Amino acid sequence: MLDATIRECVDTPERLRQQPPLRCQAPSGSRPPWCVVASKPQAERLAHANLHRRGFEAYLPLVTVRWRDRTWHTGPLFPGYLFVRLDLSRPWNPVRYAPGVFQLLMTGDRPSICPEGAVSALQAAEVERAIPPAQEPPWRPGDAVSLRKGPMEGHHAMVLSVGTDMALVSLMMLGQLREVAVDVDCLRAREA
C-alpha cells in the first residue's frame, strides 16, 4: 500500500482536473530568445558593435563572396539584418536606439522571435561560410562552349587552356580558325 507522501505526488484524474492548465514558459535560468534587428543601410557591423557596447549579445551572420573585381570580401549573410538576445520582460528601447539600428522587427506589439535552432545552425556554419570556395576552373581544355558576351556573342568555340580569369579558346572567325583570349565569365556550356 502507498504511504501518504507518495499518494500526494501521484496525479489522479480528479487531481488533474483541479489543477490550472499548464502554460508554456521558458525554464528558469534559460537564455533570452533571439530577436531580429533591422539595421540602417550598410550599417550592420556598426549596429552589431553598438549592441555589444550596450551589453547585449548580438550575432551578425557573415559570408565570404567574390565580387566582380575578382576579390573576396566578407559581408553580412542577410544584408540589413542581425540578431540580438533580448529579455522581453525588460525594456527594449536600448536596442531600438543603438546607433546603426533602424528598428527592432515586431510581431504586433512584441519583438519578433527567431527559433533558437535556426540561429544555432547559422552559428555552426559560420566557419564554412568564411572560407572562400575552392577555385576549380569550370572549363577544361577540349570543352565545347559558346561565348555569351561581347562582339562574338553566340559564337561556338573550344577551350584550349584555362587560367584563373582568362581562357584561350579556338573559334571560327572571318573564315579562319583563330585563338582568342576571353574572360572566363564570358563562356557558357554549348547547347545542342
N, C-alpha and C. Protein backbone atom coordinates (compact mmCIF):
# COMPACT_ATOMS: atom_id res chain seq x y z
N MET A 1 0.84 -1.17 0.00
CA MET A 1 0.00 0.00 0.00
C MET A 1 0.90 1.24 0.00
N LEU A 2 0.47 2.28 -0.73
CA LEU A 2 1.23 3.52 -0.83
C LEU A 2 1.13 4.32 0.46
N ASP A 3 2.23 4.86 0.90
CA ASP A 3 2.12 5.71 2.08
C ASP A 3 1.60 7.09 1.66
N ALA A 4 1.29 7.94 2.60
CA ALA A 4 0.60 9.21 2.34
C ALA A 4 1.42 10.17 1.49
N THR A 5 2.74 10.21 1.68
CA THR A 5 3.55 11.16 0.90
C THR A 5 3.59 10.78 -0.57
N ILE A 6 3.63 9.49 -0.88
CA ILE A 6 3.65 9.07 -2.27
C ILE A 6 2.29 9.34 -2.90
N ARG A 7 1.19 9.08 -2.17
CA ARG A 7 -0.15 9.30 -2.70
C ARG A 7 -0.35 10.76 -3.09
N GLU A 8 0.25 11.70 -2.37
CA GLU A 8 0.10 13.12 -2.70
C GLU A 8 0.80 13.47 -4.00
N CYS A 9 1.84 12.75 -4.38
CA CYS A 9 2.60 13.05 -5.60
C CYS A 9 2.02 12.41 -6.84
N VAL A 10 1.16 11.43 -6.71
CA VAL A 10 0.60 10.73 -7.85
C VAL A 10 -0.55 11.55 -8.41
N ASP A 11 -0.51 11.79 -9.75
CA ASP A 11 -1.59 12.54 -10.39
C ASP A 11 -2.74 11.60 -10.69
N THR A 12 -3.87 11.89 -10.09
CA THR A 12 -5.09 11.14 -10.36
C THR A 12 -5.96 11.99 -11.27
N PRO A 13 -6.95 11.41 -11.94
CA PRO A 13 -7.81 12.22 -12.81
C PRO A 13 -8.49 13.37 -12.06
N GLU A 14 -8.88 13.13 -10.82
CA GLU A 14 -9.52 14.19 -10.04
C GLU A 14 -8.54 15.32 -9.77
N ARG A 15 -7.32 14.95 -9.44
CA ARG A 15 -6.31 15.97 -9.13
C ARG A 15 -5.95 16.78 -10.38
N LEU A 16 -5.86 16.12 -11.54
CA LEU A 16 -5.55 16.82 -12.79
C LEU A 16 -6.63 17.83 -13.13
N ARG A 17 -7.90 17.49 -12.87
CA ARG A 17 -8.99 18.42 -13.17
C ARG A 17 -8.94 19.65 -12.27
N GLN A 18 -8.40 19.51 -11.07
CA GLN A 18 -8.35 20.63 -10.13
C GLN A 18 -7.20 21.58 -10.43
N GLN A 19 -6.17 21.11 -11.12
CA GLN A 19 -5.00 21.95 -11.38
C GLN A 19 -5.27 22.90 -12.54
N PRO A 20 -4.73 24.12 -12.48
CA PRO A 20 -4.88 25.03 -13.62
C PRO A 20 -4.09 24.49 -14.81
N PRO A 21 -4.52 24.80 -16.03
CA PRO A 21 -3.77 24.30 -17.20
C PRO A 21 -2.35 24.87 -17.21
N LEU A 22 -1.42 24.05 -17.68
CA LEU A 22 -0.02 24.48 -17.75
C LEU A 22 0.16 25.43 -18.92
N ARG A 23 0.93 26.49 -18.69
CA ARG A 23 1.26 27.42 -19.76
C ARG A 23 2.69 27.17 -20.18
N CYS A 24 2.97 27.42 -21.43
CA CYS A 24 4.33 27.25 -21.93
C CYS A 24 5.17 28.40 -21.42
N GLN A 25 6.16 28.09 -20.63
CA GLN A 25 7.04 29.10 -20.10
C GLN A 25 8.47 28.65 -20.31
N ALA A 26 9.35 29.61 -20.46
CA ALA A 26 10.77 29.28 -20.57
C ALA A 26 11.24 28.81 -19.20
N PRO A 27 12.04 27.78 -19.16
CA PRO A 27 12.54 27.32 -17.87
C PRO A 27 13.40 28.39 -17.22
N SER A 28 13.34 28.44 -15.89
CA SER A 28 14.13 29.44 -15.21
C SER A 28 15.62 29.20 -15.49
N GLY A 29 16.35 30.26 -15.65
CA GLY A 29 17.77 30.14 -15.94
C GLY A 29 18.07 29.98 -17.42
N SER A 30 17.04 29.93 -18.28
CA SER A 30 17.30 29.78 -19.71
C SER A 30 17.70 31.14 -20.29
N ARG A 31 18.28 31.10 -21.46
CA ARG A 31 18.74 32.32 -22.11
C ARG A 31 17.57 33.02 -22.78
N PRO A 32 17.64 34.34 -22.88
CA PRO A 32 16.57 35.08 -23.58
C PRO A 32 16.53 34.67 -25.06
N PRO A 33 15.40 34.87 -25.71
CA PRO A 33 15.28 34.47 -27.12
C PRO A 33 16.02 35.44 -28.05
N TRP A 34 16.30 34.94 -29.25
CA TRP A 34 16.91 35.78 -30.30
C TRP A 34 15.80 36.58 -30.96
N CYS A 35 16.03 37.85 -31.16
CA CYS A 35 15.09 38.73 -31.86
C CYS A 35 15.81 39.30 -33.08
N VAL A 36 15.03 39.73 -34.06
CA VAL A 36 15.59 40.22 -35.32
C VAL A 36 15.64 41.75 -35.29
N VAL A 37 16.80 42.27 -35.68
CA VAL A 37 17.03 43.72 -35.74
C VAL A 37 17.29 44.09 -37.19
N ALA A 38 16.62 45.13 -37.67
CA ALA A 38 16.91 45.69 -38.99
C ALA A 38 17.88 46.84 -38.80
N SER A 39 18.96 46.82 -39.57
CA SER A 39 19.96 47.89 -39.45
C SER A 39 19.69 48.97 -40.49
N LYS A 40 20.35 50.09 -40.30
CA LYS A 40 20.31 51.13 -41.33
C LYS A 40 21.12 50.61 -42.52
N PRO A 41 20.94 51.19 -43.71
CA PRO A 41 21.65 50.67 -44.89
C PRO A 41 23.15 50.58 -44.69
N GLN A 42 23.69 49.40 -44.92
CA GLN A 42 25.11 49.08 -44.82
C GLN A 42 25.71 49.43 -43.45
N ALA A 43 24.89 49.31 -42.40
CA ALA A 43 25.36 49.63 -41.05
C ALA A 43 25.23 48.42 -40.12
N GLU A 44 25.25 47.23 -40.70
CA GLU A 44 25.10 46.02 -39.88
C GLU A 44 26.22 45.90 -38.85
N ARG A 45 27.45 46.13 -39.27
CA ARG A 45 28.60 46.00 -38.35
C ARG A 45 28.56 47.08 -37.27
N LEU A 46 28.15 48.28 -37.62
CA LEU A 46 28.02 49.36 -36.64
C LEU A 46 26.95 49.00 -35.60
N ALA A 47 25.80 48.52 -36.06
CA ALA A 47 24.73 48.12 -35.14
C ALA A 47 25.21 46.99 -34.23
N HIS A 48 25.90 46.01 -34.81
CA HIS A 48 26.41 44.87 -34.05
C HIS A 48 27.35 45.34 -32.94
N ALA A 49 28.29 46.20 -33.28
CA ALA A 49 29.26 46.71 -32.30
C ALA A 49 28.57 47.51 -31.20
N ASN A 50 27.61 48.35 -31.57
CA ASN A 50 26.93 49.18 -30.58
C ASN A 50 26.02 48.37 -29.67
N LEU A 51 25.42 47.31 -30.18
CA LEU A 51 24.61 46.45 -29.31
C LEU A 51 25.51 45.75 -28.29
N HIS A 52 26.70 45.32 -28.72
CA HIS A 52 27.65 44.72 -27.77
C HIS A 52 28.09 45.74 -26.72
N ARG A 53 28.34 46.96 -27.14
CA ARG A 53 28.75 48.00 -26.19
C ARG A 53 27.67 48.26 -25.14
N ARG A 54 26.42 48.09 -25.53
CA ARG A 54 25.30 48.32 -24.60
C ARG A 54 24.99 47.09 -23.75
N GLY A 55 25.80 46.03 -23.91
CA GLY A 55 25.65 44.86 -23.04
C GLY A 55 24.75 43.76 -23.58
N PHE A 56 24.37 43.83 -24.84
CA PHE A 56 23.51 42.80 -25.43
C PHE A 56 24.36 41.77 -26.16
N GLU A 57 23.88 40.54 -26.19
CA GLU A 57 24.52 39.51 -27.02
C GLU A 57 23.93 39.66 -28.42
N ALA A 58 24.75 40.01 -29.38
CA ALA A 58 24.29 40.21 -30.75
C ALA A 58 25.04 39.26 -31.66
N TYR A 59 24.40 38.91 -32.77
CA TYR A 59 25.01 37.99 -33.73
C TYR A 59 24.75 38.49 -35.14
N LEU A 60 25.83 38.68 -35.89
CA LEU A 60 25.76 39.10 -37.29
C LEU A 60 26.31 37.97 -38.14
N PRO A 61 25.46 37.19 -38.82
CA PRO A 61 25.97 36.11 -39.67
C PRO A 61 26.71 36.70 -40.88
N LEU A 62 27.89 36.17 -41.15
CA LEU A 62 28.73 36.66 -42.25
C LEU A 62 28.94 35.57 -43.30
N VAL A 63 29.28 36.00 -44.51
CA VAL A 63 29.59 35.09 -45.60
C VAL A 63 30.68 35.73 -46.45
N THR A 64 31.56 34.91 -47.02
CA THR A 64 32.61 35.40 -47.91
C THR A 64 32.16 35.18 -49.35
N VAL A 65 32.15 36.26 -50.13
CA VAL A 65 31.70 36.20 -51.52
C VAL A 65 32.73 36.84 -52.43
N ARG A 66 32.67 36.48 -53.69
CA ARG A 66 33.58 37.05 -54.68
C ARG A 66 32.88 38.19 -55.39
N TRP A 67 33.53 39.33 -55.44
CA TRP A 67 32.98 40.49 -56.12
C TRP A 67 33.36 40.45 -57.59
N ARG A 68 32.77 41.35 -58.36
CA ARG A 68 33.04 41.40 -59.80
C ARG A 68 34.51 41.66 -60.11
N ASP A 69 35.20 42.36 -59.20
CA ASP A 69 36.62 42.63 -59.45
C ASP A 69 37.50 41.43 -59.08
N ARG A 70 36.87 40.28 -58.85
CA ARG A 70 37.53 39.01 -58.56
C ARG A 70 38.26 38.98 -57.22
N THR A 71 37.86 39.86 -56.31
CA THR A 71 38.43 39.83 -54.97
C THR A 71 37.38 39.26 -54.02
N TRP A 72 37.85 38.67 -52.92
CA TRP A 72 36.97 38.05 -51.94
C TRP A 72 36.71 39.03 -50.81
N HIS A 73 35.45 39.16 -50.41
CA HIS A 73 35.06 40.07 -49.34
C HIS A 73 34.10 39.35 -48.40
N THR A 74 34.19 39.68 -47.12
CA THR A 74 33.27 39.13 -46.13
C THR A 74 32.24 40.18 -45.80
N GLY A 75 30.98 39.78 -45.87
CA GLY A 75 29.88 40.71 -45.59
C GLY A 75 28.73 39.97 -44.94
N PRO A 76 27.66 40.69 -44.63
CA PRO A 76 26.51 40.08 -43.97
C PRO A 76 25.84 39.03 -44.84
N LEU A 77 25.45 37.91 -44.23
CA LEU A 77 24.70 36.88 -44.93
C LEU A 77 23.32 37.39 -45.31
N PHE A 78 22.70 38.15 -44.40
CA PHE A 78 21.40 38.77 -44.64
C PHE A 78 21.59 40.28 -44.57
N PRO A 79 21.89 40.93 -45.71
CA PRO A 79 22.15 42.37 -45.66
C PRO A 79 20.97 43.11 -45.01
N GLY A 80 21.31 43.94 -44.04
CA GLY A 80 20.29 44.74 -43.37
C GLY A 80 19.72 44.12 -42.11
N TYR A 81 20.17 42.91 -41.74
CA TYR A 81 19.58 42.24 -40.57
C TYR A 81 20.65 41.60 -39.70
N LEU A 82 20.38 41.57 -38.39
CA LEU A 82 21.20 40.84 -37.44
C LEU A 82 20.30 40.38 -36.31
N PHE A 83 20.86 39.65 -35.36
CA PHE A 83 20.08 39.06 -34.28
C PHE A 83 20.60 39.57 -32.95
N VAL A 84 19.71 39.70 -31.97
CA VAL A 84 20.09 40.12 -30.63
C VAL A 84 19.27 39.31 -29.63
N ARG A 85 19.94 38.88 -28.54
CA ARG A 85 19.22 38.22 -27.44
C ARG A 85 18.57 39.31 -26.62
N LEU A 86 17.27 39.14 -26.37
CA LEU A 86 16.52 40.20 -25.72
C LEU A 86 15.60 39.63 -24.66
N ASP A 87 15.80 40.06 -23.42
CA ASP A 87 14.92 39.69 -22.33
C ASP A 87 13.64 40.49 -22.50
N LEU A 88 12.55 39.82 -22.86
CA LEU A 88 11.30 40.51 -23.19
C LEU A 88 10.62 41.11 -21.96
N SER A 89 11.08 40.77 -20.76
CA SER A 89 10.48 41.34 -19.55
C SER A 89 11.12 42.70 -19.22
N ARG A 90 12.19 43.05 -19.92
CA ARG A 90 12.87 44.32 -19.68
C ARG A 90 12.63 45.25 -20.87
N PRO A 91 12.81 46.56 -20.69
CA PRO A 91 12.61 47.49 -21.81
C PRO A 91 13.58 47.19 -22.96
N TRP A 92 13.10 47.31 -24.18
CA TRP A 92 13.98 47.06 -25.33
C TRP A 92 14.32 48.34 -26.08
N ASN A 93 14.06 49.50 -25.49
CA ASN A 93 14.45 50.77 -26.10
C ASN A 93 15.95 50.90 -26.33
N PRO A 94 16.83 50.38 -25.42
CA PRO A 94 18.26 50.50 -25.71
C PRO A 94 18.67 49.82 -27.02
N VAL A 95 17.94 48.80 -27.43
CA VAL A 95 18.22 48.15 -28.72
C VAL A 95 17.74 49.04 -29.85
N ARG A 96 16.53 49.54 -29.72
CA ARG A 96 15.93 50.33 -30.79
C ARG A 96 16.71 51.61 -31.09
N TYR A 97 17.35 52.17 -30.07
CA TYR A 97 18.03 53.44 -30.27
C TYR A 97 19.55 53.32 -30.33
N ALA A 98 20.06 52.13 -30.51
CA ALA A 98 21.51 51.96 -30.67
C ALA A 98 21.91 52.49 -32.04
N PRO A 99 23.04 53.19 -32.14
CA PRO A 99 23.50 53.68 -33.44
C PRO A 99 23.65 52.53 -34.44
N GLY A 100 23.15 52.73 -35.64
CA GLY A 100 23.20 51.71 -36.68
C GLY A 100 21.93 50.88 -36.77
N VAL A 101 21.11 50.89 -35.74
CA VAL A 101 19.86 50.12 -35.73
C VAL A 101 18.77 50.97 -36.35
N PHE A 102 18.04 50.39 -37.30
CA PHE A 102 16.90 51.07 -37.89
C PHE A 102 15.66 50.80 -37.05
N GLN A 103 15.41 49.50 -36.79
CA GLN A 103 14.27 49.14 -35.96
C GLN A 103 14.39 47.70 -35.49
N LEU A 104 13.65 47.40 -34.46
CA LEU A 104 13.50 46.05 -33.96
C LEU A 104 12.27 45.49 -34.66
N LEU A 105 12.40 44.36 -35.35
CA LEU A 105 11.24 43.81 -36.05
C LEU A 105 10.22 43.34 -35.04
N MET A 106 8.96 43.68 -35.28
CA MET A 106 7.90 43.42 -34.31
C MET A 106 6.83 42.51 -34.91
N THR A 107 6.21 41.75 -34.03
CA THR A 107 5.00 40.99 -34.35
C THR A 107 3.93 41.54 -33.41
N GLY A 108 3.10 42.39 -33.94
CA GLY A 108 2.15 43.09 -33.09
C GLY A 108 2.91 44.10 -32.25
N ASP A 109 2.77 43.98 -30.93
CA ASP A 109 3.47 44.91 -30.04
C ASP A 109 4.68 44.26 -29.35
N ARG A 110 5.09 43.08 -29.83
CA ARG A 110 6.22 42.36 -29.24
C ARG A 110 7.29 42.14 -30.31
N PRO A 111 8.56 42.10 -29.91
CA PRO A 111 9.63 41.82 -30.90
C PRO A 111 9.47 40.42 -31.50
N SER A 112 9.81 40.31 -32.79
CA SER A 112 9.77 39.01 -33.48
C SER A 112 10.86 38.11 -32.92
N ILE A 113 10.48 36.89 -32.60
CA ILE A 113 11.42 35.94 -32.01
C ILE A 113 11.84 34.92 -33.06
N CYS A 114 13.13 34.65 -33.11
CA CYS A 114 13.69 33.64 -34.01
C CYS A 114 13.84 32.34 -33.26
N PRO A 115 13.60 31.20 -33.91
CA PRO A 115 13.83 29.92 -33.22
C PRO A 115 15.31 29.76 -32.86
N GLU A 116 15.56 29.28 -31.66
CA GLU A 116 16.93 29.08 -31.18
C GLU A 116 17.71 28.17 -32.12
N GLY A 117 17.07 27.12 -32.62
CA GLY A 117 17.74 26.18 -33.51
C GLY A 117 18.19 26.81 -34.82
N ALA A 118 17.41 27.74 -35.34
CA ALA A 118 17.77 28.39 -36.60
C ALA A 118 19.03 29.23 -36.43
N VAL A 119 19.10 29.99 -35.35
CA VAL A 119 20.28 30.81 -35.11
C VAL A 119 21.48 29.93 -34.78
N SER A 120 21.27 28.86 -34.03
CA SER A 120 22.36 27.93 -33.72
C SER A 120 22.94 27.31 -34.99
N ALA A 121 22.06 26.98 -35.95
CA ALA A 121 22.52 26.41 -37.22
C ALA A 121 23.35 27.43 -38.00
N LEU A 122 22.94 28.68 -37.98
CA LEU A 122 23.72 29.73 -38.64
C LEU A 122 25.09 29.87 -37.99
N GLN A 123 25.13 29.84 -36.67
CA GLN A 123 26.40 29.97 -35.95
C GLN A 123 27.30 28.77 -36.21
N ALA A 124 26.73 27.58 -36.31
CA ALA A 124 27.53 26.37 -36.54
C ALA A 124 28.19 26.39 -37.92
N ALA A 125 27.54 27.02 -38.89
CA ALA A 125 28.08 27.05 -40.26
C ALA A 125 28.93 28.28 -40.53
N GLU A 126 29.18 29.11 -39.52
CA GLU A 126 29.92 30.36 -39.70
C GLU A 126 31.31 30.14 -40.29
N VAL A 127 32.04 29.16 -39.79
CA VAL A 127 33.41 28.92 -40.25
C VAL A 127 33.41 28.51 -41.72
N GLU A 128 32.47 27.67 -42.11
CA GLU A 128 32.41 27.22 -43.51
C GLU A 128 32.06 28.36 -44.45
N ARG A 129 31.20 29.28 -44.01
CA ARG A 129 30.84 30.42 -44.87
C ARG A 129 31.98 31.42 -44.99
N ALA A 130 32.92 31.42 -44.04
CA ALA A 130 34.03 32.37 -44.06
C ALA A 130 35.13 31.97 -45.03
N ILE A 131 35.21 30.68 -45.35
CA ILE A 131 36.27 30.18 -46.23
C ILE A 131 35.81 30.31 -47.68
N PRO A 132 36.59 31.00 -48.51
CA PRO A 132 36.20 31.09 -49.93
C PRO A 132 36.16 29.69 -50.55
N PRO A 133 35.20 29.44 -51.43
CA PRO A 133 35.14 28.13 -52.06
C PRO A 133 36.39 27.85 -52.90
N ALA A 134 36.75 26.59 -52.98
CA ALA A 134 37.91 26.19 -53.78
C ALA A 134 37.66 26.57 -55.23
N GLN A 135 38.66 27.13 -55.85
CA GLN A 135 38.51 27.61 -57.22
C GLN A 135 39.01 26.58 -58.21
N GLU A 136 38.12 25.72 -58.63
CA GLU A 136 38.45 24.81 -59.73
C GLU A 136 38.03 25.50 -61.00
N PRO A 137 38.84 25.43 -62.04
CA PRO A 137 38.40 26.05 -63.28
C PRO A 137 37.13 25.35 -63.78
N PRO A 138 36.11 26.11 -64.11
CA PRO A 138 34.87 25.49 -64.55
C PRO A 138 35.00 24.85 -65.93
N TRP A 139 36.02 25.23 -66.66
CA TRP A 139 36.20 24.71 -68.01
C TRP A 139 37.51 23.95 -68.10
N ARG A 140 37.53 22.94 -68.94
CA ARG A 140 38.73 22.14 -69.15
C ARG A 140 39.08 22.19 -70.65
N PRO A 141 40.35 22.04 -70.98
CA PRO A 141 40.72 22.01 -72.40
C PRO A 141 39.91 20.93 -73.12
N GLY A 142 39.37 21.32 -74.27
CA GLY A 142 38.57 20.40 -75.06
C GLY A 142 37.07 20.60 -74.90
N ASP A 143 36.64 21.38 -73.89
CA ASP A 143 35.20 21.62 -73.69
C ASP A 143 34.64 22.46 -74.83
N ALA A 144 33.46 22.09 -75.30
CA ALA A 144 32.76 22.87 -76.32
C ALA A 144 31.94 23.94 -75.59
N VAL A 145 32.14 25.20 -75.97
CA VAL A 145 31.48 26.31 -75.29
C VAL A 145 30.91 27.28 -76.32
N SER A 146 30.12 28.22 -75.82
CA SER A 146 29.64 29.35 -76.60
C SER A 146 30.03 30.61 -75.86
N LEU A 147 30.23 31.68 -76.59
CA LEU A 147 30.53 32.97 -75.96
C LEU A 147 29.21 33.64 -75.65
N ARG A 148 29.09 34.17 -74.45
CA ARG A 148 27.81 34.74 -74.05
C ARG A 148 27.81 36.25 -73.94
N LYS A 149 28.95 36.91 -74.15
CA LYS A 149 29.03 38.37 -74.07
C LYS A 149 29.96 38.89 -75.14
N GLY A 150 29.83 40.15 -75.42
CA GLY A 150 30.78 40.82 -76.29
C GLY A 150 30.42 40.73 -77.76
N PRO A 151 31.33 41.17 -78.62
CA PRO A 151 31.04 41.21 -80.05
C PRO A 151 30.92 39.83 -80.68
N MET A 152 31.44 38.80 -80.03
CA MET A 152 31.35 37.44 -80.59
C MET A 152 30.30 36.61 -79.87
N GLU A 153 29.32 37.26 -79.26
CA GLU A 153 28.27 36.57 -78.52
C GLU A 153 27.57 35.55 -79.42
N GLY A 154 27.42 34.35 -78.91
CA GLY A 154 26.76 33.28 -79.65
C GLY A 154 27.69 32.41 -80.48
N HIS A 155 28.94 32.84 -80.71
CA HIS A 155 29.89 32.04 -81.47
C HIS A 155 30.26 30.78 -80.69
N HIS A 156 30.39 29.67 -81.43
CA HIS A 156 30.82 28.41 -80.82
C HIS A 156 32.34 28.37 -80.79
N ALA A 157 32.88 27.78 -79.74
CA ALA A 157 34.32 27.72 -79.58
C ALA A 157 34.71 26.46 -78.82
N MET A 158 36.01 26.20 -78.76
CA MET A 158 36.55 25.08 -77.99
C MET A 158 37.63 25.64 -77.07
N VAL A 159 37.61 25.22 -75.81
CA VAL A 159 38.58 25.69 -74.83
C VAL A 159 39.93 25.03 -75.10
N LEU A 160 40.99 25.85 -75.19
CA LEU A 160 42.34 25.34 -75.38
C LEU A 160 43.09 25.29 -74.04
N SER A 161 42.95 26.37 -73.22
CA SER A 161 43.59 26.40 -71.90
C SER A 161 42.80 27.36 -71.02
N VAL A 162 42.94 27.18 -69.71
CA VAL A 162 42.18 27.99 -68.76
C VAL A 162 43.11 28.52 -67.68
N GLY A 163 43.02 29.82 -67.41
CA GLY A 163 43.74 30.44 -66.30
C GLY A 163 42.74 30.80 -65.22
N THR A 164 43.14 31.61 -64.25
CA THR A 164 42.21 31.98 -63.18
C THR A 164 41.12 32.92 -63.67
N ASP A 165 41.45 33.83 -64.56
CA ASP A 165 40.48 34.80 -65.05
C ASP A 165 40.21 34.71 -66.54
N MET A 166 41.16 34.18 -67.28
CA MET A 166 41.05 34.16 -68.74
C MET A 166 41.13 32.74 -69.27
N ALA A 167 40.53 32.55 -70.45
CA ALA A 167 40.61 31.26 -71.12
C ALA A 167 41.03 31.51 -72.57
N LEU A 168 41.82 30.61 -73.12
CA LEU A 168 42.20 30.68 -74.52
C LEU A 168 41.29 29.71 -75.26
N VAL A 169 40.53 30.24 -76.22
CA VAL A 169 39.59 29.42 -76.98
C VAL A 169 39.93 29.47 -78.45
N SER A 170 39.49 28.46 -79.14
CA SER A 170 39.65 28.39 -80.59
C SER A 170 38.26 28.53 -81.19
N LEU A 171 38.13 29.47 -82.17
CA LEU A 171 36.83 29.66 -82.80
C LEU A 171 37.01 30.06 -84.25
N MET A 172 35.94 29.90 -85.01
CA MET A 172 35.95 30.30 -86.42
C MET A 172 35.57 31.77 -86.49
N MET A 173 36.50 32.56 -87.09
CA MET A 173 36.24 33.98 -87.22
C MET A 173 36.77 34.43 -88.58
N LEU A 174 35.90 35.06 -89.35
CA LEU A 174 36.24 35.54 -90.68
C LEU A 174 36.80 34.42 -91.57
N GLY A 175 36.20 33.25 -91.43
CA GLY A 175 36.59 32.12 -92.27
C GLY A 175 37.86 31.42 -91.86
N GLN A 176 38.42 31.77 -90.74
CA GLN A 176 39.65 31.12 -90.29
C GLN A 176 39.50 30.69 -88.83
N LEU A 177 40.24 29.63 -88.48
CA LEU A 177 40.26 29.16 -87.10
C LEU A 177 41.23 30.06 -86.33
N ARG A 178 40.73 30.74 -85.31
CA ARG A 178 41.54 31.70 -84.57
C ARG A 178 41.59 31.33 -83.09
N GLU A 179 42.68 31.71 -82.43
CA GLU A 179 42.78 31.56 -80.98
C GLU A 179 42.55 32.93 -80.36
N VAL A 180 41.62 32.98 -79.41
CA VAL A 180 41.24 34.24 -78.80
C VAL A 180 41.23 34.07 -77.28
N ALA A 181 41.80 35.04 -76.58
CA ALA A 181 41.75 35.04 -75.11
C ALA A 181 40.47 35.77 -74.69
N VAL A 182 39.66 35.12 -73.87
CA VAL A 182 38.40 35.71 -73.39
C VAL A 182 38.32 35.57 -71.88
N ASP A 183 37.50 36.40 -71.28
CA ASP A 183 37.23 36.32 -69.85
C ASP A 183 36.47 35.02 -69.57
N VAL A 184 36.83 34.33 -68.52
CA VAL A 184 36.18 33.06 -68.18
C VAL A 184 34.67 33.25 -67.98
N ASP A 185 34.27 34.42 -67.46
CA ASP A 185 32.85 34.69 -67.24
C ASP A 185 32.06 34.81 -68.54
N CYS A 186 32.74 34.94 -69.67
CA CYS A 186 32.07 35.07 -70.97
C CYS A 186 31.71 33.73 -71.59
N LEU A 187 32.10 32.65 -70.96
CA LEU A 187 31.85 31.33 -71.53
C LEU A 187 30.60 30.70 -70.93
N ARG A 188 29.91 29.92 -71.74
CA ARG A 188 28.79 29.12 -71.24
C ARG A 188 28.82 27.78 -71.96
N ALA A 189 28.20 26.80 -71.36
CA ALA A 189 28.17 25.47 -71.98
C ALA A 189 27.45 25.55 -73.31
N ARG A 190 27.99 24.85 -74.28
CA ARG A 190 27.41 24.88 -75.62
C ARG A 190 26.14 24.05 -75.64
N GLU A 191 25.11 24.63 -76.18
CA GLU A 191 23.81 23.95 -76.26
C GLU A 191 23.69 23.30 -77.62
N ALA A 192 23.09 22.15 -77.64
CA ALA A 192 22.95 21.42 -78.90
C ALA A 192 21.88 22.01 -79.78
